């Protein structure tokens, strides 16, 4: 999913008159060991500023049981967190540029280190408990909230049985649900959801309420 986001980001930059792609997906290899990868080097055309840009594309759910507000944004399968990703950027990804091993790689691309500014493009798809959908959250862009999440016992036929559903594969998670055509009834989607939950995988669900109304939500296993 991250690689697909990079393809769309690169295409958007190529169609922009403001920026130019100088290099992308540069792997830093030293003594046959991969030390890391630089996502993008861009040039801002109006200022000629060189920008090392790291692209992040994530899905997070909000778990209010954590005490610290920023600790509450976690991956749907609890293997990732917002703070871990930010720390990785700060402690590894951005300092990678200033390692001695990076000098040769930058010279090969004719990129002058002293002229580089570092930035991150952090794109997030956020899901909150259904009861908190109208709440404003600190420290994040609330426009990134795309839907809600449920525990397994909350996904009931009594509440959801009249609608149609689809569970997209992970590479298709970013797609808007209104573009989908093949919808399934509740009992059929419930089998797919139960299978995922049994394997400790959260299920992203697209729900079609009518021809004009769609919702996105996770059913989680934890």
C-alpha atoms as a PDB file:
ATOM      1  CA  UNK A   1       0.000   0.000   0.000  1.00  0.00           C
ATOM      2  CA  UNK A   2       2.878   2.352   0.790  1.00  0.00           C
ATOM      3  CA  UNK A   3       4.492   1.695  -2.578  1.00  0.00           C
ATOM      4  CA  UNK A   4       1.213   2.409  -4.341  1.00  0.00           C
ATOM      5  CA  UNK A   5       0.989   5.718  -2.473  1.00  0.00           C
ATOM      6  CA  UNK A   6       4.493   6.566  -3.700  1.00  0.00           C
ATOM      7  CA  UNK A   7       3.411   5.982  -7.310  1.00  0.00           C
ATOM      8  CA  UNK A   8       0.470   8.379  -6.936  1.00  0.00           C
ATOM      9  CA  UNK A   9       2.609  10.936  -5.101  1.00  0.00           C
ATOM     10  CA  UNK A  10       5.238  10.864  -7.844  1.00  0.00           C
ATOM     11  CA  UNK A  11       2.579  11.305 -10.517  1.00  0.00           C
ATOM     12  CA  UNK A  12       1.061  14.256  -8.653  1.00  0.00           C
ATOM     13  CA  UNK A  13       4.475  15.923  -8.436  1.00  0.00           C
ATOM     14  CA  UNK A  14       5.125  15.336 -12.140  1.00  0.00           C
ATOM     15  CA  UNK A  15       1.863  17.103 -12.965  1.00  0.00           C
ATOM     16  CA  UNK A  16       2.691  20.014 -10.687  1.00  0.00           C
ATOM     17  CA  UNK A  17       4.347  23.194 -11.930  1.00  0.00           C
ATOM     18  CA  UNK A  18       5.622  23.931  -8.414  1.00  0.00           C
ATOM     19  CA  UNK A  19       7.870  20.906  -7.875  1.00  0.00           C
ATOM     20  CA  UNK A  20      10.131  18.595  -9.842  1.00  0.00           C
ATOM     21  CA  UNK A  21      11.218  15.070  -8.930  1.00  0.00           C
ATOM     22  CA  UNK A  22      15.020  14.911  -8.812  1.00  0.00           C
ATOM     23  CA  UNK A  23      15.257  11.314  -7.560  1.00  0.00           C
ATOM     24  CA  UNK A  24      13.093   8.729  -5.840  1.00  0.00           C
ATOM     25  CA  UNK A  25      13.457   5.424  -3.985  1.00  0.00           C
ATOM     26  CA  UNK A  26      17.214   5.740  -3.623  1.00  0.00           C
ATOM     27  CA  UNK A  27      18.569   2.787  -1.671  1.00  0.00           C
ATOM     28  CA  UNK A  28      21.604   3.379   0.524  1.00  0.00           C
ATOM     29  CA  UNK A  29      23.732   0.235   0.355  1.00  0.00           C
ATOM     30  CA  UNK A  30      27.070  -0.115   2.126  1.00  0.00           C
ATOM     31  CA  UNK A  31      29.180  -3.294   2.001  1.00  0.00           C
ATOM     32  CA  UNK A  32      26.191  -5.235   0.597  1.00  0.00           C
ATOM     33  CA  UNK A  33      24.017  -4.105   3.518  1.00  0.00           C
ATOM     34  CA  UNK A  34      20.951  -1.941   2.915  1.00  0.00           C
ATOM     35  CA  UNK A  35      21.054   0.902   5.439  1.00  0.00           C
ATOM     36  CA  UNK A  36      17.828   2.527   4.299  1.00  0.00           C
ATOM     37  CA  UNK A  37      16.017   4.216   1.454  1.00  0.00           C
ATOM     38  CA  UNK A  38      15.226   7.825   0.588  1.00  0.00           C
ATOM     39  CA  UNK A  39      11.677   8.229  -0.755  1.00  0.00           C
ATOM     40  CA  UNK A  40      11.982  11.441  -2.771  1.00  0.00           C
ATOM     41  CA  UNK A  41      14.279  14.320  -3.563  1.00  0.00           C
ATOM     42  CA  UNK A  42      12.307  17.241  -4.958  1.00  0.00           C
ATOM     43  CA  UNK A  43      13.161  20.695  -6.250  1.00  0.00           C
ATOM     44  CA  UNK A  44      10.833  23.619  -5.645  1.00  0.00           C
ATOM     45  CA  UNK A  45      10.947  25.441  -8.972  1.00  0.00           C
ATOM     46  CA  UNK A  46      10.319  28.988  -7.735  1.00  0.00           C
ATOM     47  CA  UNK A  47      13.113  28.926  -5.124  1.00  0.00           C
ATOM     48  CA  UNK A  48      15.331  26.090  -6.436  1.00  0.00           C
ATOM     49  CA  UNK A  49      15.151  24.625  -2.922  1.00  0.00           C
ATOM     50  CA  UNK A  50      16.045  20.923  -2.729  1.00  0.00           C
ATOM     51  CA  UNK A  51      13.755  18.900  -0.461  1.00  0.00           C
ATOM     52  CA  UNK A  52      14.268  15.413   0.892  1.00  0.00           C
ATOM     53  CA  UNK A  53      10.685  14.206   1.320  1.00  0.00           C
ATOM     54  CA  UNK A  54       9.652  11.090   3.218  1.00  0.00           C
ATOM     55  CA  UNK A  55       6.150   9.894   2.335  1.00  0.00           C
ATOM     56  CA  UNK A  56       4.091   8.137   5.006  1.00  0.00           C
ATOM     57  CA  UNK A  57       0.706   6.555   4.275  1.00  0.00           C
ATOM     58  CA  UNK A  58      -1.006   4.946   7.270  1.00  0.00           C
ATOM     59  CA  UNK A  59      -4.298   3.681   8.678  1.00  0.00           C
ATOM     60  CA  UNK A  60      -4.801   4.236  12.415  1.00  0.00           C
ATOM     61  CA  UNK A  61      -7.643   3.644  14.853  1.00  0.00           C
ATOM     62  CA  UNK A  62      -8.169   5.596  18.069  1.00  0.00           C
ATOM     63  CA  UNK A  63      -8.085   3.534  21.267  1.00  0.00           C
ATOM     64  CA  UNK A  64      -9.182   5.768  24.181  1.00  0.00           C
ATOM     65  CA  UNK A  65      -7.941   3.251  26.763  1.00  0.00           C
ATOM     66  CA  UNK A  66      -4.394   4.627  26.536  1.00  0.00           C
ATOM     67  CA  UNK A  67      -3.608   7.439  28.968  1.00  0.00           C
ATOM     68  CA  UNK A  68      -1.500   9.605  26.638  1.00  0.00           C
ATOM     69  CA  UNK A  69      -3.493  11.169  23.784  1.00  0.00           C
ATOM     70  CA  UNK A  70      -0.923  10.485  21.076  1.00  0.00           C
ATOM     71  CA  UNK A  71      -0.468   6.878  22.238  1.00  0.00           C
ATOM     72  CA  UNK A  72      -4.096   6.276  21.306  1.00  0.00           C
ATOM     73  CA  UNK A  73      -3.491   6.271  17.547  1.00  0.00           C
ATOM     74  CA  UNK A  74      -2.528   2.689  16.688  1.00  0.00           C
ATOM     75  CA  UNK A  75      -2.628   0.358  13.712  1.00  0.00           C
ATOM     76  CA  UNK A  76      -5.848  -1.685  13.294  1.00  0.00           C
ATOM     77  CA  UNK A  77      -3.885  -4.825  14.185  1.00  0.00           C
ATOM     78  CA  UNK A  78      -1.949  -3.144  17.022  1.00  0.00           C
ATOM     79  CA  UNK A  79       1.403  -3.707  15.301  1.00  0.00           C
ATOM     80  CA  UNK A  80       2.061  -0.063  14.579  1.00  0.00           C
ATOM     81  CA  UNK A  81       1.525   3.305  16.242  1.00  0.00           C
ATOM     82  CA  UNK A  82       1.667   6.921  15.213  1.00  0.00           C
ATOM     83  CA  UNK A  83       4.366   7.699  17.787  1.00  0.00           C
ATOM     84  CA  UNK A  84       6.552   4.785  16.684  1.00  0.00           C
ATOM     85  CA  UNK A  85       6.447   6.030  13.098  1.00  0.00           C
ATOM     86  CA  UNK A  86       7.267   9.594  14.114  1.00  0.00           C
ATOM     87  CA  UNK A  87      10.158   8.365  16.259  1.00  0.00           C
ATOM     88  CA  UNK A  88      11.491   6.258  13.373  1.00  0.00           C
ATOM     89  CA  UNK A  89      11.465   9.310  11.118  1.00  0.00           C
ATOM     90  CA  UNK A  90      13.312  11.384  13.711  1.00  0.00           C
ATOM     91  CA  UNK A  91      15.840   8.802  14.850  1.00  0.00           C
ATOM     92  CA  UNK A  92      16.553   6.915  11.627  1.00  0.00           C
ATOM     93  CA  UNK A  93      15.057   8.191   8.392  1.00  0.00           C
ATOM     94  CA  UNK A  94      16.060  11.843   8.532  1.00  0.00           C
ATOM     95  CA  UNK A  95      19.535  11.297  10.128  1.00  0.00           C
ATOM     96  CA  UNK A  96      20.256   8.767   7.348  1.00  0.00           C
ATOM     97  CA  UNK A  97      20.868  11.698   5.021  1.00  0.00           C
ATOM     98  CA  UNK A  98      23.839  12.851   7.076  1.00  0.00           C
ATOM     99  CA  UNK A  99      25.601   9.520   7.378  1.00  0.00           C
ATOM    100  CA  UNK A 100      29.007   9.321   5.774  1.00  0.00           C
ATOM    101  CA  UNK A 101      27.796   6.509   3.525  1.00  0.00           C
ATOM    102  CA  UNK A 102      25.218   8.844   1.940  1.00  0.00           C
ATOM    103  CA  UNK A 103      27.819  11.201   0.483  1.00  0.00           C
ATOM    104  CA  UNK A 104      28.674   9.061  -2.544  1.00  0.00           C
ATOM    105  CA  UNK A 105      25.022   8.322  -3.306  1.00  0.00           C
ATOM    106  CA  UNK A 106      24.132  12.020  -3.260  1.00  0.00           C
ATOM    107  CA  UNK A 107      27.113  12.894  -5.440  1.00  0.00           C
ATOM    108  CA  UNK A 108      26.036  10.302  -8.013  1.00  0.00           C
ATOM    109  CA  UNK A 109      22.656  12.047  -8.207  1.00  0.00           C
ATOM    110  CA  UNK A 110      24.293  15.506  -8.267  1.00  0.00           C
ATOM    111  CA  UNK A 111      22.475  16.437  -5.070  1.00  0.00           C
ATOM    112  CA  UNK A 112      24.259  18.946  -2.833  1.00  0.00           C
ATOM    113  CA  UNK A 113      23.798  17.975   0.798  1.00  0.00           C
ATOM    114  CA  UNK A 114      24.180  21.477   2.211  1.00  0.00           C
ATOM    115  CA  UNK A 115      21.258  22.704   0.094  1.00  0.00           C
ATOM    116  CA  UNK A 116      18.747  20.097   1.251  1.00  0.00           C
ATOM    117  CA  UNK A 117      15.733  20.742   3.467  1.00  0.00           C
ATOM    118  CA  UNK A 118      13.933  17.739   4.985  1.00  0.00           C
ATOM    119  CA  UNK A 119      10.166  17.372   5.088  1.00  0.00           C
ATOM    120  CA  UNK A 120       7.634  14.619   5.673  1.00  0.00           C
ATOM    121  CA  UNK A 121       4.323  14.175   3.891  1.00  0.00           C
ATOM    122  CA  UNK A 122       2.274  12.221   6.437  1.00  0.00           C
ATOM    123  CA  UNK A 123      -1.009  10.969   4.986  1.00  0.00           C
ATOM    124  CA  UNK A 124      -3.275   9.232   7.491  1.00  0.00           C
ATOM    125  CA  UNK A 125      -6.668   7.528   7.333  1.00  0.00           C
ATOM    126  CA  UNK A 126      -8.136   7.709  10.827  1.00  0.00           C
ATOM    127  CA  UNK A 127     -10.966   5.739  12.413  1.00  0.00           C
ATOM    128  CA  UNK A 128     -12.471   6.480  15.825  1.00  0.00           C
ATOM    129  CA  UNK A 129     -15.000   4.673  18.046  1.00  0.00           C
ATOM    130  CA  UNK A 130     -18.476   5.200  16.604  1.00  0.00           C
ATOM    131  CA  UNK A 131     -19.557   7.040  19.764  1.00  0.00           C
ATOM    132  CA  UNK A 132     -16.790   9.612  19.224  1.00  0.00           C
ATOM    133  CA  UNK A 133     -17.454  10.452  15.566  1.00  0.00           C
ATOM    134  CA  UNK A 134     -18.546  14.010  16.369  1.00  0.00           C
ATOM    135  CA  UNK A 135     -15.609  14.726  18.677  1.00  0.00           C
ATOM    136  CA  UNK A 136     -12.643  16.916  17.760  1.00  0.00           C
ATOM    137  CA  UNK A 137      -9.255  15.391  18.511  1.00  0.00           C
ATOM    138  CA  UNK A 138      -6.054  17.098  19.600  1.00  0.00           C
ATOM    139  CA  UNK A 139      -2.768  17.053  17.675  1.00  0.00           C
ATOM    140  CA  UNK A 140      -4.157  15.582  14.441  1.00  0.00           C
ATOM    141  CA  UNK A 141      -5.906  16.872  11.337  1.00  0.00           C
ATOM    142  CA  UNK A 142      -9.544  15.993  12.000  1.00  0.00           C
ATOM    143  CA  UNK A 143     -10.224  16.021   8.255  1.00  0.00           C
ATOM    144  CA  UNK A 144      -8.311  12.713   8.153  1.00  0.00           C
ATOM    145  CA  UNK A 145     -11.074  10.927  10.087  1.00  0.00           C
ATOM    146  CA  UNK A 146     -12.769   8.737   7.478  1.00  0.00           C
ATOM    147  CA  UNK A 147     -14.915   6.472   9.607  1.00  0.00           C
ATOM    148  CA  UNK A 148     -15.266   4.494  12.799  1.00  0.00           C
ATOM    149  CA  UNK A 149     -14.387   1.119  14.299  1.00  0.00           C
ATOM    150  CA  UNK A 150     -16.356  -1.580  16.124  1.00  0.00           C
ATOM    151  CA  UNK A 151     -15.660  -4.550  18.342  1.00  0.00           C
ATOM    152  CA  UNK A 152     -16.786  -7.898  16.979  1.00  0.00           C
ATOM    153  CA  UNK A 153     -19.902  -8.057  19.179  1.00  0.00           C
ATOM    154  CA  UNK A 154     -21.042  -4.631  17.948  1.00  0.00           C
ATOM    155  CA  UNK A 155     -21.300  -5.725  14.321  1.00  0.00           C
ATOM    156  CA  UNK A 156     -24.794  -7.184  14.584  1.00  0.00           C
ATOM    157  CA  UNK A 157     -27.493  -8.088  12.105  1.00  0.00           C
ATOM    158  CA  UNK A 158     -30.021  -6.129  14.147  1.00  0.00           C
ATOM    159  CA  UNK A 159     -28.172  -2.877  13.426  1.00  0.00           C
ATOM    160  CA  UNK A 160     -26.493  -3.590  10.099  1.00  0.00           C
ATOM    161  CA  UNK A 161     -28.518  -6.370   8.478  1.00  0.00           C
ATOM    162  CA  UNK A 162     -30.410  -4.191   6.001  1.00  0.00           C
ATOM    163  CA  UNK A 163     -27.288  -2.816   4.286  1.00  0.00           C
ATOM    164  CA  UNK A 164     -24.793  -4.142   1.720  1.00  0.00           C
ATOM    165  CA  UNK A 165     -21.075  -4.637   2.260  1.00  0.00           C
ATOM    166  CA  UNK A 166     -17.649  -5.361   0.874  1.00  0.00           C
ATOM    167  CA  UNK A 167     -14.293  -6.117   2.522  1.00  0.00           C
ATOM    168  CA  UNK A 168     -11.516  -4.756   0.275  1.00  0.00           C
ATOM    169  CA  UNK A 169      -8.060  -6.294   0.138  1.00  0.00           C
ATOM    170  CA  UNK A 170      -5.431  -4.164   1.848  1.00  0.00           C
ATOM    171  CA  UNK A 171      -3.986  -2.660  -1.378  1.00  0.00           C
ATOM    172  CA  UNK A 172      -7.486  -1.312  -2.100  1.00  0.00           C
ATOM    173  CA  UNK A 173      -8.078   0.233   1.328  1.00  0.00           C
ATOM    174  CA  UNK A 174      -7.523   3.788   0.004  1.00  0.00           C
ATOM    175  CA  UNK A 175     -10.258   3.440  -2.652  1.00  0.00           C
ATOM    176  CA  UNK A 176     -13.523   5.335  -2.187  1.00  0.00           C
ATOM    177  CA  UNK A 177     -16.320   2.801  -1.560  1.00  0.00           C
ATOM    178  CA  UNK A 178     -18.783   4.463  -3.925  1.00  0.00           C
ATOM    179  CA  UNK A 179     -16.649   3.253  -6.845  1.00  0.00           C
ATOM    180  CA  UNK A 180     -17.276  -0.391  -5.941  1.00  0.00           C
ATOM    181  CA  UNK A 181     -19.926  -2.475  -7.739  1.00  0.00           C
ATOM    182  CA  UNK A 182     -20.094  -5.998  -6.255  1.00  0.00           C
ATOM    183  CA  UNK A 183     -21.891  -5.711  -2.901  1.00  0.00           C
ATOM    184  CA  UNK A 184     -22.776  -8.535  -0.480  1.00  0.00           C
ATOM    185  CA  UNK A 185     -25.522  -9.033   2.153  1.00  0.00           C
ATOM    186  CA  UNK A 186     -24.779  -9.035   5.881  1.00  0.00           C
ATOM    187  CA  UNK A 187     -24.648 -12.813   6.423  1.00  0.00           C
ATOM    188  CA  UNK A 188     -22.202 -13.278   3.568  1.00  0.00           C
ATOM    189  CA  UNK A 189     -19.877 -10.503   4.713  1.00  0.00           C
ATOM    190  CA  UNK A 190     -20.074 -11.741   8.297  1.00  0.00           C
ATOM    191  CA  UNK A 191     -18.370 -15.000   7.249  1.00  0.00           C
ATOM    192  CA  UNK A 192     -15.492 -13.034   5.721  1.00  0.00           C
ATOM    193  CA  UNK A 193     -15.218 -10.817   8.777  1.00  0.00           C
ATOM    194  CA  UNK A 194     -15.177 -13.783  11.156  1.00  0.00           C
ATOM    195  CA  UNK A 195     -12.441 -15.458   9.115  1.00  0.00           C
ATOM    196  CA  UNK A 196     -10.234 -12.368   9.347  1.00  0.00           C
ATOM    197  CA  UNK A 197     -10.879 -11.898  13.046  1.00  0.00           C
ATOM    198  CA  UNK A 198     -10.015 -15.526  13.776  1.00  0.00           C
ATOM    199  CA  UNK A 199      -6.615 -14.844  12.213  1.00  0.00           C
ATOM    200  CA  UNK A 200      -6.202 -11.652  14.258  1.00  0.00           C
ATOM    201  CA  UNK A 201      -6.673  -9.370  11.282  1.00  0.00           C
ATOM    202  CA  UNK A 202      -8.956  -6.371  11.517  1.00  0.00           C
ATOM    203  CA  UNK A 203     -11.567  -6.187   8.759  1.00  0.00           C
ATOM    204  CA  UNK A 204     -12.037  -2.941   6.863  1.00  0.00           C
ATOM    205  CA  UNK A 205     -15.632  -2.811   5.675  1.00  0.00           C
ATOM    206  CA  UNK A 206     -17.318  -0.664   3.099  1.00  0.00           C
ATOM    207  CA  UNK A 207     -21.043  -0.310   3.734  1.00  0.00           C
ATOM    208  CA  UNK A 208     -23.613   0.813   1.181  1.00  0.00           C
ATOM    209  CA  UNK A 209     -26.697   2.253   2.858  1.00  0.00           C
ATOM    210  CA  UNK A 210     -28.277   3.483  -0.374  1.00  0.00           C
ATOM    211  CA  UNK A 211     -27.170   4.681  -3.808  1.00  0.00           C
ATOM    212  CA  UNK A 212     -25.687   7.867  -2.346  1.00  0.00           C
ATOM    213  CA  UNK A 213     -24.625   6.932   1.192  1.00  0.00           C
ATOM    214  CA  UNK A 214     -21.541   4.898   2.043  1.00  0.00           C
ATOM    215  CA  UNK A 215     -19.587   4.314   5.233  1.00  0.00           C
ATOM    216  CA  UNK A 216     -16.173   2.899   6.067  1.00  0.00           C
ATOM    217  CA  UNK A 217     -15.347   1.162   9.319  1.00  0.00           C
ATOM    218  CA  UNK A 218     -13.114  -1.465  10.887  1.00  0.00           C
ATOM    219  CA  UNK A 219     -14.259  -4.465  12.888  1.00  0.00           C
ATOM    220  CA  UNK A 220     -11.345  -5.319  15.185  1.00  0.00           C
ATOM    221  CA  UNK A 221     -10.384  -8.601  16.844  1.00  0.00           C
ATOM    222  CA  UNK A 222      -8.962  -7.196  20.076  1.00  0.00           C
END
